[in-house]
Amino acid sequence: MSLWRRLLEEFTGQLEMPPEVYLDLPRTVLVGDRSIQIENHKGILEYTPRKIRVRTEQGEMIIVGAHMKIVSIIQQELVIGGRIAGVQFAAKP
């Protein structure tokens, strides 16, 4: 992690605003096993009914399940519906 990024993380810890705003972190809201909302995404890398890979600033988020579909997508927000079985994060190499 770069010095700039570490300093920014320390600085944002002292602010009243959430760190995802300053650090461009993905914000994820999981509603049971039925839907997931992802904010601050950078695009879709793979899309099938069983697996959806989403690019983030830190790497990628991998959502696995069944009967998954994109319910809505806008520039910074993605909503996926279906049976969510798991979510993984893979850091950039």
PDB file of N, CA and C in Angstrom:
ATOM      1  N   MET A   1       0.852  -1.171   0.000  1.00  0.00           N
ATOM      2  CA  MET A   1       0.000   0.000   0.000  1.00  0.00           C
ATOM      3  C   MET A   1       0.898   1.234   0.000  1.00  0.00           C
ATOM      4  N   SER A   2       0.539   2.202  -0.796  1.00  0.00           N
ATOM      5  CA  SER A   2       1.364   3.403  -0.911  1.00  0.00           C
ATOM      6  C   SER A   2       1.265   4.267   0.353  1.00  0.00           C
ATOM      7  N   LEU A   3       2.278   5.082   0.536  1.00  0.00           N
ATOM      8  CA  LEU A   3       2.305   5.992   1.682  1.00  0.00           C
ATOM      9  C   LEU A   3       1.104   6.929   1.638  1.00  0.00           C
ATOM     10  N   TRP A   4       0.790   7.450   0.454  1.00  0.00           N
ATOM     11  CA  TRP A   4      -0.348   8.354   0.294  1.00  0.00           C
ATOM     12  C   TRP A   4      -1.638   7.676   0.742  1.00  0.00           C
ATOM     13  N   ARG A   5      -1.833   6.429   0.342  1.00  0.00           N
ATOM     14  CA  ARG A   5      -3.054   5.699   0.684  1.00  0.00           C
ATOM     15  C   ARG A   5      -3.138   5.479   2.200  1.00  0.00           C
ATOM     16  N   ARG A   6      -2.023   5.123   2.830  1.00  0.00           N
ATOM     17  CA  ARG A   6      -2.021   4.923   4.284  1.00  0.00           C
ATOM     18  C   ARG A   6      -2.344   6.212   5.027  1.00  0.00           C
ATOM     19  N   LEU A   7      -1.753   7.316   4.569  1.00  0.00           N
ATOM     20  CA  LEU A   7      -2.035   8.607   5.204  1.00  0.00           C
ATOM     21  C   LEU A   7      -3.503   8.985   5.036  1.00  0.00           C
ATOM     22  N   LEU A   8      -4.036   8.743   3.861  1.00  0.00           N
ATOM     23  CA  LEU A   8      -5.441   9.041   3.598  1.00  0.00           C
ATOM     24  C   LEU A   8      -6.345   8.202   4.499  1.00  0.00           C
ATOM     25  N   GLU A   9      -6.026   6.926   4.684  1.00  0.00           N
ATOM     26  CA  GLU A   9      -6.820   6.068   5.565  1.00  0.00           C
ATOM     27  C   GLU A   9      -6.784   6.569   7.008  1.00  0.00           C
ATOM     28  N   GLU A  10      -5.612   6.969   7.474  1.00  0.00           N
ATOM     29  CA  GLU A  10      -5.503   7.493   8.837  1.00  0.00           C
ATOM     30  C   GLU A  10      -6.290   8.792   8.985  1.00  0.00           C
ATOM     31  N   PHE A  11      -6.195   9.646   7.990  1.00  0.00           N
ATOM     32  CA  PHE A  11      -6.892  10.928   8.015  1.00  0.00           C
ATOM     33  C   PHE A  11      -8.403  10.731   8.011  1.00  0.00           C
ATOM     34  N   THR A  12      -8.903   9.835   7.162  1.00  0.00           N
ATOM     35  CA  THR A  12     -10.347   9.629   7.072  1.00  0.00           C
ATOM     36  C   THR A  12     -10.908   9.017   8.342  1.00  0.00           C
ATOM     37  N   GLY A  13     -10.079   8.319   9.100  1.00  0.00           N
ATOM     38  CA  GLY A  13     -10.540   7.765  10.365  1.00  0.00           C
ATOM     39  C   GLY A  13     -10.926   8.845  11.357  1.00  0.00           C
ATOM     40  N   GLN A  14     -10.400  10.056  11.179  1.00  0.00           N
ATOM     41  CA  GLN A  14     -10.684  11.160  12.085  1.00  0.00           C
ATOM     42  C   GLN A  14     -11.840  12.035  11.596  1.00  0.00           C
ATOM     43  N   LEU A  15     -12.324  11.781  10.411  1.00  0.00           N
ATOM     44  CA  LEU A  15     -13.403  12.595   9.846  1.00  0.00           C
ATOM     45  C   LEU A  15     -14.765  12.012  10.177  1.00  0.00           C
ATOM     46  N   GLU A  16     -15.771  12.816   9.986  1.00  0.00           N
ATOM     47  CA  GLU A  16     -17.140  12.395  10.259  1.00  0.00           C
ATOM     48  C   GLU A  16     -17.757  11.629   9.091  1.00  0.00           C
ATOM     49  N   MET A  17     -17.134  11.687   7.923  1.00  0.00           N
ATOM     50  CA  MET A  17     -17.701  11.031   6.743  1.00  0.00           C
ATOM     51  C   MET A  17     -17.186   9.598   6.638  1.00  0.00           C
ATOM     52  N   PRO A  18     -17.982   8.705   6.027  1.00  0.00           N
ATOM     53  CA  PRO A  18     -17.556   7.310   5.903  1.00  0.00           C
ATOM     54  C   PRO A  18     -16.336   7.172   4.988  1.00  0.00           C
ATOM     55  N   PRO A  19     -15.458   6.219   5.275  1.00  0.00           N
ATOM     56  CA  PRO A  19     -14.220   6.079   4.505  1.00  0.00           C
ATOM     57  C   PRO A  19     -14.434   5.728   3.041  1.00  0.00           C
ATOM     58  N   GLU A  20     -15.553   5.061   2.703  1.00  0.00           N
ATOM     59  CA  GLU A  20     -15.768   4.708   1.296  1.00  0.00           C
ATOM     60  C   GLU A  20     -15.860   5.938   0.402  1.00  0.00           C
ATOM     61  N   VAL A  21     -16.240   7.077   0.986  1.00  0.00           N
ATOM     62  CA  VAL A  21     -16.330   8.315   0.217  1.00  0.00           C
ATOM     63  C   VAL A  21     -14.944   8.785  -0.206  1.00  0.00           C
ATOM     64  N   TYR A  22     -13.991   8.767   0.708  1.00  0.00           N
ATOM     65  CA  TYR A  22     -12.644   9.271   0.426  1.00  0.00           C
ATOM     66  C   TYR A  22     -11.747   8.237  -0.236  1.00  0.00           C
ATOM     67  N   LEU A  23     -11.911   6.987   0.147  1.00  0.00           N
ATOM     68  CA  LEU A  23     -11.000   5.942  -0.313  1.00  0.00           C
ATOM     69  C   LEU A  23     -11.517   5.187  -1.530  1.00  0.00           C
ATOM     70  N   ASP A  24     -12.704   5.537  -2.011  1.00  0.00           N
ATOM     71  CA  ASP A  24     -13.315   4.882  -3.166  1.00  0.00           C
ATOM     72  C   ASP A  24     -13.489   3.382  -2.923  1.00  0.00           C
ATOM     73  N   LEU A  25     -13.851   3.030  -1.690  1.00  0.00           N
ATOM     74  CA  LEU A  25     -14.092   1.638  -1.335  1.00  0.00           C
ATOM     75  C   LEU A  25     -15.489   1.230  -1.778  1.00  0.00           C
ATOM     76  N   PRO A  26     -15.679  -0.043  -2.150  1.00  0.00           N
ATOM     77  CA  PRO A  26     -17.037  -0.478  -2.469  1.00  0.00           C
ATOM     78  C   PRO A  26     -17.866  -0.565  -1.190  1.00  0.00           C
ATOM     79  N   ARG A  27     -19.082  -0.095  -1.275  1.00  0.00           N
ATOM     80  CA  ARG A  27     -20.016  -0.211  -0.150  1.00  0.00           C
ATOM     81  C   ARG A  27     -21.036  -1.249  -0.569  1.00  0.00           C
ATOM     82  N   THR A  28     -21.197  -2.284   0.246  1.00  0.00           N
ATOM     83  CA  THR A  28     -22.037  -3.418  -0.120  1.00  0.00           C
ATOM     84  C   THR A  28     -23.143  -3.598   0.906  1.00  0.00           C
ATOM     85  N   VAL A  29     -24.373  -3.752   0.414  1.00  0.00           N
ATOM     86  CA  VAL A  29     -25.513  -4.034   1.281  1.00  0.00           C
ATOM     87  C   VAL A  29     -26.114  -5.350   0.807  1.00  0.00           C
ATOM     88  N   LEU A  30     -26.086  -6.348   1.672  1.00  0.00           N
ATOM     89  CA  LEU A  30     -26.634  -7.662   1.367  1.00  0.00           C
ATOM     90  C   LEU A  30     -27.966  -7.796   2.089  1.00  0.00           C
ATOM     91  N   VAL A  31     -29.016  -8.125   1.351  1.00  0.00           N
ATOM     92  CA  VAL A  31     -30.345  -8.290   1.935  1.00  0.00           C
ATOM     93  C   VAL A  31     -30.659  -9.785   1.927  1.00  0.00           C
ATOM     94  N   GLY A  32     -30.430 -10.416   3.080  1.00  0.00           N
ATOM     95  CA  GLY A  32     -30.602 -11.866   3.168  1.00  0.00           C
ATOM     96  C   GLY A  32     -29.742 -12.554   2.130  1.00  0.00           C
ATOM     97  N   ASP A  33     -30.324 -13.538   1.453  1.00  0.00           N
ATOM     98  CA  ASP A  33     -29.621 -14.186   0.349  1.00  0.00           C
ATOM     99  C   ASP A  33     -30.299 -13.857  -0.983  1.00  0.00           C
ATOM    100  N   ARG A  34     -31.081 -12.766  -0.998  1.00  0.00           N
ATOM    101  CA  ARG A  34     -31.895 -12.436  -2.170  1.00  0.00           C
ATOM    102  C   ARG A  34     -31.365 -11.309  -3.040  1.00  0.00           C
ATOM    103  N   SER A  35     -30.613 -10.375  -2.470  1.00  0.00           N
ATOM    104  CA  SER A  35     -30.091  -9.282  -3.301  1.00  0.00           C
ATOM    105  C   SER A  35     -28.854  -8.668  -2.664  1.00  0.00           C
ATOM    106  N   ILE A  36     -28.070  -8.028  -3.507  1.00  0.00           N
ATOM    107  CA  ILE A  36     -26.880  -7.324  -3.058  1.00  0.00           C
ATOM    108  C   ILE A  36     -26.787  -6.013  -3.829  1.00  0.00           C
ATOM    109  N   GLN A  37     -26.517  -4.947  -3.112  1.00  0.00           N
ATOM    110  CA  GLN A  37     -26.341  -3.618  -3.707  1.00  0.00           C
ATOM    111  C   GLN A  37     -24.875  -3.247  -3.532  1.00  0.00           C
ATOM    112  N   ILE A  38     -24.228  -2.855  -4.623  1.00  0.00           N
ATOM    113  CA  ILE A  38     -22.808  -2.502  -4.593  1.00  0.00           C
ATOM    114  C   ILE A  38     -22.660  -1.074  -5.085  1.00  0.00           C
ATOM    115  N   GLU A  39     -22.120  -0.218  -4.235  1.00  0.00           N
ATOM    116  CA  GLU A  39     -21.829   1.163  -4.627  1.00  0.00           C
ATOM    117  C   GLU A  39     -20.334   1.300  -4.878  1.00  0.00           C
ATOM    118  N   ASN A  40     -19.953   2.258  -5.688  1.00  0.00           N
ATOM    119  CA  ASN A  40     -18.555   2.543  -6.037  1.00  0.00           C
ATOM    120  C   ASN A  40     -17.913   1.423  -6.849  1.00  0.00           C
ATOM    121  N   HIS A  41     -18.695   0.742  -7.690  1.00  0.00           N
ATOM    122  CA  HIS A  41     -18.118  -0.284  -8.559  1.00  0.00           C
ATOM    123  C   HIS A  41     -17.479   0.381  -9.776  1.00  0.00           C
ATOM    124  N   LYS A  42     -16.639  -0.367 -10.467  1.00  0.00           N
ATOM    125  CA  LYS A  42     -15.931   0.147 -11.649  1.00  0.00           C
ATOM    126  C   LYS A  42     -16.304  -0.618 -12.913  1.00  0.00           C
ATOM    127  N   GLY A  43     -17.362  -1.418 -12.848  1.00  0.00           N
ATOM    128  CA  GLY A  43     -17.816  -2.148 -14.029  1.00  0.00           C
ATOM    129  C   GLY A  43     -17.932  -3.641 -13.774  1.00  0.00           C
ATOM    130  N   ILE A  44     -18.549  -4.324 -14.726  1.00  0.00           N
ATOM    131  CA  ILE A  44     -18.774  -5.763 -14.630  1.00  0.00           C
ATOM    132  C   ILE A  44     -17.726  -6.482 -15.468  1.00  0.00           C
ATOM    133  N   LEU A  45     -17.063  -7.474 -14.870  1.00  0.00           N
ATOM    134  CA  LEU A  45     -16.035  -8.254 -15.560  1.00  0.00           C
ATOM    135  C   LEU A  45     -16.585  -9.550 -16.145  1.00  0.00           C
ATOM    136  N   GLU A  46     -17.546 -10.160 -15.459  1.00  0.00           N
ATOM    137  CA  GLU A  46     -18.140 -11.424 -15.904  1.00  0.00           C
ATOM    138  C   GLU A  46     -19.574 -11.469 -15.408  1.00  0.00           C
ATOM    139  N   TYR A  47     -20.460 -12.013 -16.256  1.00  0.00           N
ATOM    140  CA  TYR A  47     -21.867 -12.060 -15.873  1.00  0.00           C
ATOM    141  C   TYR A  47     -22.502 -13.352 -16.368  1.00  0.00           C
ATOM    142  N   THR A  48     -22.839 -14.240 -15.434  1.00  0.00           N
ATOM    143  CA  THR A  48     -23.610 -15.440 -15.728  1.00  0.00           C
ATOM    144  C   THR A  48     -24.648 -15.578 -14.609  1.00  0.00           C
ATOM    145  N   PRO A  49     -25.652 -16.434 -14.774  1.00  0.00           N
ATOM    146  CA  PRO A  49     -26.642 -16.613 -13.704  1.00  0.00           C
ATOM    147  C   PRO A  49     -26.061 -17.201 -12.413  1.00  0.00           C
ATOM    148  N   ARG A  50     -24.839 -17.772 -12.480  1.00  0.00           N
ATOM    149  CA  ARG A  50     -24.226 -18.394 -11.306  1.00  0.00           C
ATOM    150  C   ARG A  50     -23.052 -17.605 -10.735  1.00  0.00           C
ATOM    151  N   LYS A  51     -22.502 -16.681 -11.517  1.00  0.00           N
ATOM    152  CA  LYS A  51     -21.315 -15.946 -11.066  1.00  0.00           C
ATOM    153  C   LYS A  51     -21.274 -14.565 -11.711  1.00  0.00           C
ATOM    154  N   ILE A  52     -21.054 -13.553 -10.873  1.00  0.00           N
ATOM    155  CA  ILE A  52     -20.895 -12.182 -11.368  1.00  0.00           C
ATOM    156  C   ILE A  52     -19.628 -11.619 -10.737  1.00  0.00           C
ATOM    157  N   ARG A  53     -18.713 -11.160 -11.597  1.00  0.00           N
ATOM    158  CA  ARG A  53     -17.473 -10.534 -11.126  1.00  0.00           C
ATOM    159  C   ARG A  53     -17.563  -9.042 -11.397  1.00  0.00           C
ATOM    160  N   VAL A  54     -17.286  -8.249 -10.361  1.00  0.00           N
ATOM    161  CA  VAL A  54     -17.410  -6.795 -10.437  1.00  0.00           C
ATOM    162  C   VAL A  54     -16.055  -6.171 -10.126  1.00  0.00           C
ATOM    163  N   ARG A  55     -15.622  -5.245 -10.959  1.00  0.00           N
ATOM    164  CA  ARG A  55     -14.354  -4.542 -10.725  1.00  0.00           C
ATOM    165  C   ARG A  55     -14.560  -3.486  -9.651  1.00  0.00           C
ATOM    166  N   THR A  56     -13.573  -3.384  -8.745  1.00  0.00           N
ATOM    167  CA  THR A  56     -13.558  -2.330  -7.736  1.00  0.00           C
ATOM    168  C   THR A  56     -12.188  -1.663  -7.770  1.00  0.00           C
ATOM    169  N   GLU A  57     -12.043  -0.594  -7.054  1.00  0.00           N
ATOM    170  CA  GLU A  57     -10.759   0.108  -7.006  1.00  0.00           C
ATOM    171  C   GLU A  57      -9.663  -0.785  -6.421  1.00  0.00           C
ATOM    172  N   GLN A  58     -10.015  -1.679  -5.503  1.00  0.00           N
ATOM    173  CA  GLN A  58      -9.035  -2.528  -4.844  1.00  0.00           C
ATOM    174  C   GLN A  58      -8.789  -3.850  -5.574  1.00  0.00           C
ATOM    175  N   GLY A  59      -9.610  -4.204  -6.532  1.00  0.00           N
ATOM    176  CA  GLY A  59      -9.482  -5.481  -7.239  1.00  0.00           C
ATOM    177  C   GLY A  59     -10.815  -5.886  -7.815  1.00  0.00           C
ATOM    178  N   GLU A  60     -11.355  -6.998  -7.329  1.00  0.00           N
ATOM    179  CA  GLU A  60     -12.675  -7.404  -7.795  1.00  0.00           C
ATOM    180  C   GLU A  60     -13.472  -8.077  -6.696  1.00  0.00           C
ATOM    181  N   MET A  61     -14.788  -8.043  -6.874  1.00  0.00           N
ATOM    182  CA  MET A  61     -15.727  -8.684  -5.979  1.00  0.00           C
ATOM    183  C   MET A  61     -16.381  -9.797  -6.794  1.00  0.00           C
ATOM    184  N   ILE A  62     -16.442 -10.995  -6.228  1.00  0.00           N
ATOM    185  CA  ILE A  62     -17.004 -12.148  -6.922  1.00  0.00           C
ATOM    186  C   ILE A  62     -18.245 -12.589  -6.162  1.00  0.00           C
ATOM    187  N   ILE A  63     -19.383 -12.549  -6.837  1.00  0.00           N
ATOM    188  CA  ILE A  63     -20.648 -12.947  -6.231  1.00  0.00           C
ATOM    189  C   ILE A  63     -21.059 -14.254  -6.889  1.00  0.00           C
ATOM    190  N   VAL A  64     -21.322 -15.293  -6.088  1.00  0.00           N
ATOM    191  CA  VAL A  64     -21.748 -16.581  -6.619  1.00  0.00           C
ATOM    192  C   VAL A  64     -23.121 -16.915  -6.061  1.00  0.00           C
ATOM    193  N   GLY A  65     -23.879 -17.676  -6.837  1.00  0.00           N
ATOM    194  CA  GLY A  65     -25.216 -18.045  -6.418  1.00  0.00           C
ATOM    195  C   GLY A  65     -25.961 -18.734  -7.538  1.00  0.00           C
ATOM    196  N   ALA A  66     -27.264 -18.549  -7.577  1.00  0.00           N
ATOM    197  CA  ALA A  66     -28.110 -19.167  -8.596  1.00  0.00           C
ATOM    198  C   ALA A  66     -29.167 -18.171  -9.043  1.00  0.00           C
ATOM    199  N   HIS A  67     -29.529 -18.279 -10.298  1.00  0.00           N
ATOM    200  CA  HIS A  67     -30.589 -17.439 -10.872  1.00  0.00           C
ATOM    201  C   HIS A  67     -30.324 -15.949 -10.663  1.00  0.00           C
ATOM    202  N   MET A  68     -29.059 -15.563 -10.695  1.00  0.00           N
ATOM    203  CA  MET A  68     -28.723 -14.158 -10.450  1.00  0.00           C
ATOM    204  C   MET A  68     -28.923 -13.335 -11.717  1.00  0.00           C
ATOM    205  N   LYS A  69     -29.375 -12.115 -11.510  1.00  0.00           N
ATOM    206  CA  LYS A  69     -29.548 -11.181 -12.618  1.00  0.00           C
ATOM    207  C   LYS A  69     -29.299  -9.766 -12.118  1.00  0.00           C
ATOM    208  N   ILE A  70     -28.967  -8.901 -13.044  1.00  0.00           N
ATOM    209  CA  ILE A  70     -28.771  -7.495 -12.707  1.00  0.00           C
ATOM    210  C   ILE A  70     -30.142  -6.832 -12.684  1.00  0.00           C
ATOM    211  N   VAL A  71     -30.514  -6.336 -11.526  1.00  0.00           N
ATOM    212  CA  VAL A  71     -31.805  -5.671 -11.352  1.00  0.00           C
ATOM    213  C   VAL A  71     -31.709  -4.227 -11.831  1.00  0.00           C
ATOM    214  N   SER A  72     -30.616  -3.549 -11.464  1.00  0.00           N
ATOM    215  CA  SER A  72     -30.394  -2.180 -11.940  1.00  0.00           C
ATOM    216  C   SER A  72     -28.903  -1.888 -11.933  1.00  0.00           C
ATOM    217  N   ILE A  73     -28.513  -0.997 -12.818  1.00  0.00           N
ATOM    218  CA  ILE A  73     -27.119  -0.582 -12.878  1.00  0.00           C
ATOM    219  C   ILE A  73     -27.083   0.872 -13.318  1.00  0.00           C
ATOM    220  N   ILE A  74     -26.361   1.669 -12.545  1.00  0.00           N
ATOM    221  CA  ILE A  74     -26.072   3.043 -12.926  1.00  0.00           C
ATOM    222  C   ILE A  74     -24.573   3.239 -12.727  1.00  0.00           C
ATOM    223  N   GLN A  75     -24.094   4.407 -12.988  1.00  0.00           N
ATOM    224  CA  GLN A  75     -22.657   4.647 -12.995  1.00  0.00           C
ATOM    225  C   GLN A  75     -21.951   4.149 -11.737  1.00  0.00           C
ATOM    226  N   GLN A  76     -22.479   4.426 -10.573  1.00  0.00           N
ATOM    227  CA  GLN A  76     -21.802   4.070  -9.322  1.00  0.00           C
ATOM    228  C   GLN A  76     -22.510   2.990  -8.509  1.00  0.00           C
ATOM    229  N   GLU A  77     -23.654   2.499  -8.973  1.00  0.00           N
ATOM    230  CA  GLU A  77     -24.424   1.550  -8.165  1.00  0.00           C
ATOM    231  C   GLU A  77     -24.925   0.389  -9.007  1.00  0.00           C
ATOM    232  N   LEU A  78     -24.828  -0.804  -8.433  1.00  0.00           N
ATOM    233  CA  LEU A  78     -25.250  -2.032  -9.090  1.00  0.00           C
ATOM    234  C   LEU A  78     -26.097  -2.824  -8.102  1.00  0.00           C
ATOM    235  N   VAL A  79     -27.246  -3.332  -8.557  1.00  0.00           N
ATOM    236  CA  VAL A  79     -28.090  -4.175  -7.713  1.00  0.00           C
ATOM    237  C   VAL A  79     -28.265  -5.512  -8.422  1.00  0.00           C
ATOM    238  N   ILE A  80     -27.959  -6.590  -7.697  1.00  0.00           N
ATOM    239  CA  ILE A  80     -28.058  -7.947  -8.226  1.00  0.00           C
ATOM    240  C   ILE A  80     -29.104  -8.690  -7.415  1.00  0.00           C
ATOM    241  N   GLY A  81     -30.011  -9.378  -8.109  1.00  0.00           N
ATOM    242  CA  GLY A  81     -31.029 -10.182  -7.451  1.00  0.00           C
ATOM    243  C   GLY A  81     -30.818 -11.651  -7.762  1.00  0.00           C
ATOM    244  N   GLY A  82     -31.444 -12.524  -6.996  1.00  0.00           N
ATOM    245  CA  GLY A  82     -31.322 -13.967  -7.177  1.00  0.00           C
ATOM    246  C   GLY A  82     -31.006 -14.625  -5.847  1.00  0.00           C
ATOM    247  N   ARG A  83     -30.442 -15.810  -5.902  1.00  0.00           N
ATOM    248  CA  ARG A  83     -30.014 -16.518  -4.688  1.00  0.00           C
ATOM    249  C   ARG A  83     -28.519 -16.304  -4.507  1.00  0.00           C
ATOM    250  N   ILE A  84     -28.144 -15.458  -3.564  1.00  0.00           N
ATOM    251  CA  ILE A  84     -26.744 -15.145  -3.307  1.00  0.00           C
ATOM    252  C   ILE A  84     -26.189 -16.204  -2.344  1.00  0.00           C
ATOM    253  N   ALA A  85     -25.179 -16.944  -2.788  1.00  0.00           N
ATOM    254  CA  ALA A  85     -24.574 -17.984  -1.945  1.00  0.00           C
ATOM    255  C   ALA A  85     -23.291 -17.503  -1.276  1.00  0.00           C
ATOM    256  N   GLY A  86     -22.594 -16.562  -1.919  1.00  0.00           N
ATOM    257  CA  GLY A  86     -21.343 -16.102  -1.331  1.00  0.00           C
ATOM    258  C   GLY A  86     -20.785 -14.885  -2.036  1.00  0.00           C
ATOM    259  N   VAL A  87     -19.951 -14.156  -1.312  1.00  0.00           N
ATOM    260  CA  VAL A  87     -19.277 -12.970  -1.845  1.00  0.00           C
ATOM    261  C   VAL A  87     -17.810 -13.075  -1.450  1.00  0.00           C
ATOM    262  N   GLN A  88     -16.927 -12.886  -2.428  1.00  0.00           N
ATOM    263  CA  GLN A  88     -15.486 -12.919  -2.175  1.00  0.00           C
ATOM    264  C   GLN A  88     -14.854 -11.648  -2.708  1.00  0.00           C
ATOM    265  N   PHE A  89     -13.719 -11.293  -2.124  1.00  0.00           N
ATOM    266  CA  PHE A  89     -12.948 -10.150  -2.601  1.00  0.00           C
ATOM    267  C   PHE A  89     -11.581 -10.653  -3.041  1.00  0.00           C
ATOM    268  N   ALA A  90     -11.151 -10.225  -4.207  1.00  0.00           N
ATOM    269  CA  ALA A  90      -9.823 -10.566  -4.721  1.00  0.00           C
ATOM    270  C   ALA A  90      -9.067  -9.262  -4.940  1.00  0.00           C
ATOM    271  N   ALA A  91      -7.948  -9.116  -4.247  1.00  0.00           N
ATOM    272  CA  ALA A  91      -7.151  -7.890  -4.350  1.00  0.00           C
ATOM    273  C   ALA A  91      -6.410  -7.845  -5.678  1.00  0.00           C
ATOM    274  N   LYS A  92      -6.074  -6.635  -6.103  1.00  0.00           N
ATOM    275  CA  LYS A  92      -5.255  -6.474  -7.300  1.00  0.00           C
ATOM    276  C   LYS A  92      -3.908  -7.132  -7.050  1.00  0.00           C
ATOM    277  N   PRO A  93      -3.344  -7.763  -8.077  1.00  0.00           N
ATOM    278  CA  PRO A  93      -2.024  -8.392  -7.881  1.00  0.00           C
ATOM    279  C   PRO A  93      -0.931  -7.367  -7.682  1.00  0.00           C
TER     280      PRO A  93
END
